Amino acid sequence: MKLTYDPRYNIAYLRLHEKTGEVETIKVSDEINIDIAPDGSIYGIELLNANDQLRKQDEGKLLVVNESTGEKAEVVLSDK
């Protein structure tokens, strides 16, 4: 899994799997698209207007939590 952000276009992408073929992009809202493989698996989630979406909560920090161990990692998102 990989989360990337492109500040030029203000787009973030959460990649769950590498694309191995054609995908269908489904527009969920004006700010979210989901890429789905022909077998129905989700390849990734695209966040448009990502700055606003990623900073709405948690004071602009990305928190990754392992629910089984309780381990946490925090990444501060850039203001730029």
N, C-alpha and C. Protein backbone atom coordinates (compact mmCIF):
# COMPACT_ATOMS: atom_id res chain seq x y z
N MET A 1 0.86 -1.16 0.00
CA MET A 1 0.00 0.00 0.00
C MET A 1 0.91 1.22 0.00
N LYS A 2 0.49 2.25 -0.71
CA LYS A 2 1.29 3.46 -0.84
C LYS A 2 0.37 4.66 -0.98
N LEU A 3 0.67 5.72 -0.22
CA LEU A 3 -0.07 6.97 -0.34
C LEU A 3 0.87 8.00 -0.96
N THR A 4 0.46 8.57 -2.09
CA THR A 4 1.27 9.60 -2.74
C THR A 4 0.46 10.89 -2.83
N TYR A 5 1.19 12.01 -2.94
CA TYR A 5 0.53 13.31 -3.07
C TYR A 5 1.27 14.12 -4.11
N ASP A 6 0.54 14.74 -5.03
CA ASP A 6 1.11 15.61 -6.06
C ASP A 6 0.62 17.03 -5.82
N PRO A 7 1.48 17.90 -5.24
CA PRO A 7 1.05 19.26 -4.93
C PRO A 7 0.75 20.11 -6.17
N ARG A 8 1.30 19.74 -7.32
CA ARG A 8 1.02 20.51 -8.54
C ARG A 8 -0.45 20.47 -8.89
N TYR A 9 -1.08 19.31 -8.66
CA TYR A 9 -2.48 19.12 -9.01
C TYR A 9 -3.38 18.94 -7.78
N ASN A 10 -2.75 18.94 -6.59
CA ASN A 10 -3.48 18.78 -5.32
C ASN A 10 -4.29 17.48 -5.31
N ILE A 11 -3.60 16.38 -5.71
CA ILE A 11 -4.23 15.06 -5.79
C ILE A 11 -3.42 14.07 -4.95
N ALA A 12 -4.12 13.29 -4.14
CA ALA A 12 -3.50 12.20 -3.40
C ALA A 12 -4.05 10.89 -3.95
N TYR A 13 -3.21 9.85 -3.87
CA TYR A 13 -3.64 8.54 -4.37
C TYR A 13 -3.22 7.47 -3.39
N LEU A 14 -4.19 6.70 -2.92
CA LEU A 14 -3.91 5.57 -2.05
C LEU A 14 -3.95 4.33 -2.92
N ARG A 15 -2.76 3.78 -3.18
CA ARG A 15 -2.64 2.59 -4.05
C ARG A 15 -2.67 1.35 -3.17
N LEU A 16 -3.63 0.48 -3.41
CA LEU A 16 -3.75 -0.76 -2.65
C LEU A 16 -3.06 -1.92 -3.35
N HIS A 17 -3.04 -1.89 -4.67
CA HIS A 17 -2.40 -2.93 -5.48
C HIS A 17 -1.78 -2.26 -6.70
N GLU A 18 -0.73 -2.88 -7.25
CA GLU A 18 -0.18 -2.42 -8.52
C GLU A 18 -1.19 -2.73 -9.62
N LYS A 19 -1.34 -1.81 -10.55
CA LYS A 19 -2.23 -2.05 -11.68
C LYS A 19 -1.57 -3.07 -12.60
N THR A 20 -2.30 -4.13 -12.91
CA THR A 20 -1.77 -5.16 -13.80
C THR A 20 -2.52 -5.19 -15.12
N GLY A 21 -3.50 -4.33 -15.25
CA GLY A 21 -4.30 -4.29 -16.47
C GLY A 21 -5.20 -3.07 -16.44
N GLU A 22 -6.20 -3.12 -17.28
CA GLU A 22 -7.15 -2.02 -17.35
C GLU A 22 -7.99 -1.94 -16.08
N VAL A 23 -8.32 -0.72 -15.71
CA VAL A 23 -9.19 -0.51 -14.55
C VAL A 23 -10.35 0.37 -14.97
N GLU A 24 -11.41 0.29 -14.22
CA GLU A 24 -12.55 1.19 -14.41
C GLU A 24 -12.51 2.19 -13.26
N THR A 25 -12.59 3.47 -13.60
CA THR A 25 -12.62 4.50 -12.58
C THR A 25 -14.06 4.89 -12.31
N ILE A 26 -14.44 4.78 -11.05
CA ILE A 26 -15.79 5.13 -10.63
C ILE A 26 -15.72 6.43 -9.84
N LYS A 27 -16.51 7.41 -10.28
CA LYS A 27 -16.58 8.70 -9.59
C LYS A 27 -17.57 8.56 -8.44
N VAL A 28 -17.05 8.63 -7.22
CA VAL A 28 -17.89 8.50 -6.03
C VAL A 28 -18.50 9.85 -5.66
N SER A 29 -17.69 10.91 -5.81
CA SER A 29 -18.14 12.27 -5.53
C SER A 29 -17.27 13.21 -6.35
N ASP A 30 -17.45 14.52 -6.15
CA ASP A 30 -16.62 15.49 -6.86
C ASP A 30 -15.16 15.43 -6.41
N GLU A 31 -14.89 14.75 -5.28
CA GLU A 31 -13.54 14.73 -4.73
C GLU A 31 -12.95 13.34 -4.59
N ILE A 32 -13.68 12.28 -4.95
CA ILE A 32 -13.17 10.92 -4.78
C ILE A 32 -13.47 10.06 -6.00
N ASN A 33 -12.42 9.39 -6.50
CA ASN A 33 -12.54 8.40 -7.57
C ASN A 33 -11.96 7.09 -7.06
N ILE A 34 -12.54 5.97 -7.49
CA ILE A 34 -12.02 4.66 -7.11
C ILE A 34 -11.72 3.88 -8.38
N ASP A 35 -10.50 3.29 -8.44
CA ASP A 35 -10.09 2.45 -9.57
C ASP A 35 -10.36 1.00 -9.23
N ILE A 36 -11.15 0.33 -10.09
CA ILE A 36 -11.57 -1.05 -9.85
C ILE A 36 -11.14 -1.93 -11.02
N ALA A 37 -10.62 -3.12 -10.70
CA ALA A 37 -10.21 -4.09 -11.70
C ALA A 37 -11.43 -4.84 -12.22
N PRO A 38 -11.28 -5.52 -13.36
CA PRO A 38 -12.40 -6.30 -13.89
C PRO A 38 -12.94 -7.36 -12.92
N ASP A 39 -12.08 -7.86 -12.02
CA ASP A 39 -12.54 -8.87 -11.06
C ASP A 39 -13.20 -8.25 -9.83
N GLY A 40 -13.32 -6.92 -9.80
CA GLY A 40 -13.99 -6.23 -8.71
C GLY A 40 -13.08 -5.76 -7.59
N SER A 41 -11.79 -6.13 -7.64
CA SER A 41 -10.88 -5.67 -6.59
C SER A 41 -10.54 -4.19 -6.79
N ILE A 42 -10.29 -3.52 -5.69
CA ILE A 42 -9.98 -2.09 -5.73
C ILE A 42 -8.48 -1.90 -5.84
N TYR A 43 -8.05 -1.19 -6.88
CA TYR A 43 -6.63 -0.88 -7.05
C TYR A 43 -6.24 0.34 -6.24
N GLY A 44 -7.08 1.37 -6.26
CA GLY A 44 -6.68 2.58 -5.56
C GLY A 44 -7.83 3.57 -5.41
N ILE A 45 -7.56 4.56 -4.55
CA ILE A 45 -8.52 5.62 -4.27
C ILE A 45 -7.84 6.95 -4.52
N GLU A 46 -8.45 7.77 -5.37
CA GLU A 46 -7.90 9.08 -5.74
C GLU A 46 -8.67 10.17 -4.99
N LEU A 47 -7.93 11.03 -4.31
CA LEU A 47 -8.53 12.15 -3.59
C LEU A 47 -8.22 13.44 -4.34
N LEU A 48 -9.24 14.04 -4.91
CA LEU A 48 -9.09 15.34 -5.56
C LEU A 48 -9.26 16.40 -4.48
N ASN A 49 -8.65 17.58 -4.66
CA ASN A 49 -8.68 18.61 -3.63
C ASN A 49 -8.15 18.01 -2.32
N ALA A 50 -7.02 17.31 -2.44
CA ALA A 50 -6.50 16.50 -1.35
C ALA A 50 -6.12 17.31 -0.11
N ASN A 51 -5.58 18.50 -0.29
CA ASN A 51 -5.19 19.30 0.88
C ASN A 51 -6.35 19.43 1.86
N ASP A 52 -7.50 19.80 1.37
CA ASP A 52 -8.66 19.98 2.24
C ASP A 52 -9.10 18.66 2.86
N GLN A 53 -9.11 17.59 2.07
CA GLN A 53 -9.57 16.31 2.57
C GLN A 53 -8.63 15.72 3.62
N LEU A 54 -7.33 15.85 3.41
CA LEU A 54 -6.37 15.26 4.34
C LEU A 54 -6.17 16.09 5.60
N ARG A 55 -6.58 17.34 5.57
CA ARG A 55 -6.38 18.20 6.73
C ARG A 55 -7.66 18.47 7.52
N LYS A 56 -8.77 17.89 7.13
CA LYS A 56 -10.05 18.16 7.81
C LYS A 56 -10.01 17.78 9.27
N GLN A 57 -9.29 16.73 9.60
CA GLN A 57 -9.24 16.25 10.98
C GLN A 57 -7.79 16.01 11.38
N ASP A 58 -7.57 15.75 12.63
CA ASP A 58 -6.27 15.35 13.17
C ASP A 58 -5.17 16.40 12.96
N GLU A 59 -5.56 17.66 12.88
CA GLU A 59 -4.61 18.78 12.82
C GLU A 59 -3.58 18.63 11.69
N GLY A 60 -4.00 18.11 10.56
CA GLY A 60 -3.11 17.99 9.41
C GLY A 60 -2.10 16.87 9.54
N LYS A 61 -2.38 15.86 10.35
CA LYS A 61 -1.47 14.74 10.52
C LYS A 61 -2.12 13.48 9.98
N LEU A 62 -1.30 12.64 9.37
CA LEU A 62 -1.76 11.34 8.91
C LEU A 62 -1.36 10.34 9.97
N LEU A 63 -2.31 9.64 10.52
CA LEU A 63 -2.06 8.68 11.59
C LEU A 63 -2.31 7.28 11.06
N VAL A 64 -1.29 6.42 11.15
CA VAL A 64 -1.40 5.03 10.72
C VAL A 64 -1.40 4.18 11.99
N VAL A 65 -2.45 3.37 12.17
CA VAL A 65 -2.60 2.59 13.39
C VAL A 65 -2.71 1.10 13.05
N ASN A 66 -1.89 0.29 13.71
CA ASN A 66 -2.03 -1.16 13.62
C ASN A 66 -2.99 -1.56 14.73
N GLU A 67 -4.23 -1.86 14.39
CA GLU A 67 -5.25 -2.13 15.38
C GLU A 67 -4.96 -3.37 16.22
N SER A 68 -4.23 -4.34 15.68
CA SER A 68 -3.97 -5.57 16.44
C SER A 68 -2.87 -5.37 17.49
N THR A 69 -1.90 -4.49 17.20
CA THR A 69 -0.80 -4.29 18.15
C THR A 69 -0.89 -2.97 18.91
N GLY A 70 -1.69 -2.05 18.37
CA GLY A 70 -1.77 -0.73 18.99
C GLY A 70 -0.66 0.21 18.56
N GLU A 71 0.27 -0.27 17.74
CA GLU A 71 1.37 0.58 17.27
C GLU A 71 0.82 1.69 16.39
N LYS A 72 1.42 2.89 16.53
CA LYS A 72 0.98 4.04 15.76
C LYS A 72 2.19 4.73 15.13
N ALA A 73 1.97 5.27 13.95
CA ALA A 73 2.97 6.10 13.29
C ALA A 73 2.26 7.35 12.81
N GLU A 74 2.87 8.49 13.01
CA GLU A 74 2.26 9.76 12.65
C GLU A 74 3.15 10.48 11.64
N VAL A 75 2.51 10.98 10.59
CA VAL A 75 3.22 11.76 9.57
C VAL A 75 2.56 13.13 9.51
N VAL A 76 3.37 14.19 9.69
CA VAL A 76 2.84 15.53 9.59
C VAL A 76 2.80 15.93 8.11
N LEU A 77 1.64 16.33 7.63
CA LEU A 77 1.48 16.73 6.24
C LEU A 77 2.01 18.14 6.05
N SER A 78 2.68 18.36 4.98
CA SER A 78 3.26 19.67 4.69
C SER A 78 2.18 20.71 4.48
N ASP A 79 2.48 21.96 4.84
CA ASP A 79 1.56 23.07 4.59
C ASP A 79 1.58 23.49 3.15
N LYS A 80 2.48 22.99 2.37
CA LYS A 80 2.65 23.41 0.97
C LYS A 80 2.02 22.45 0.02
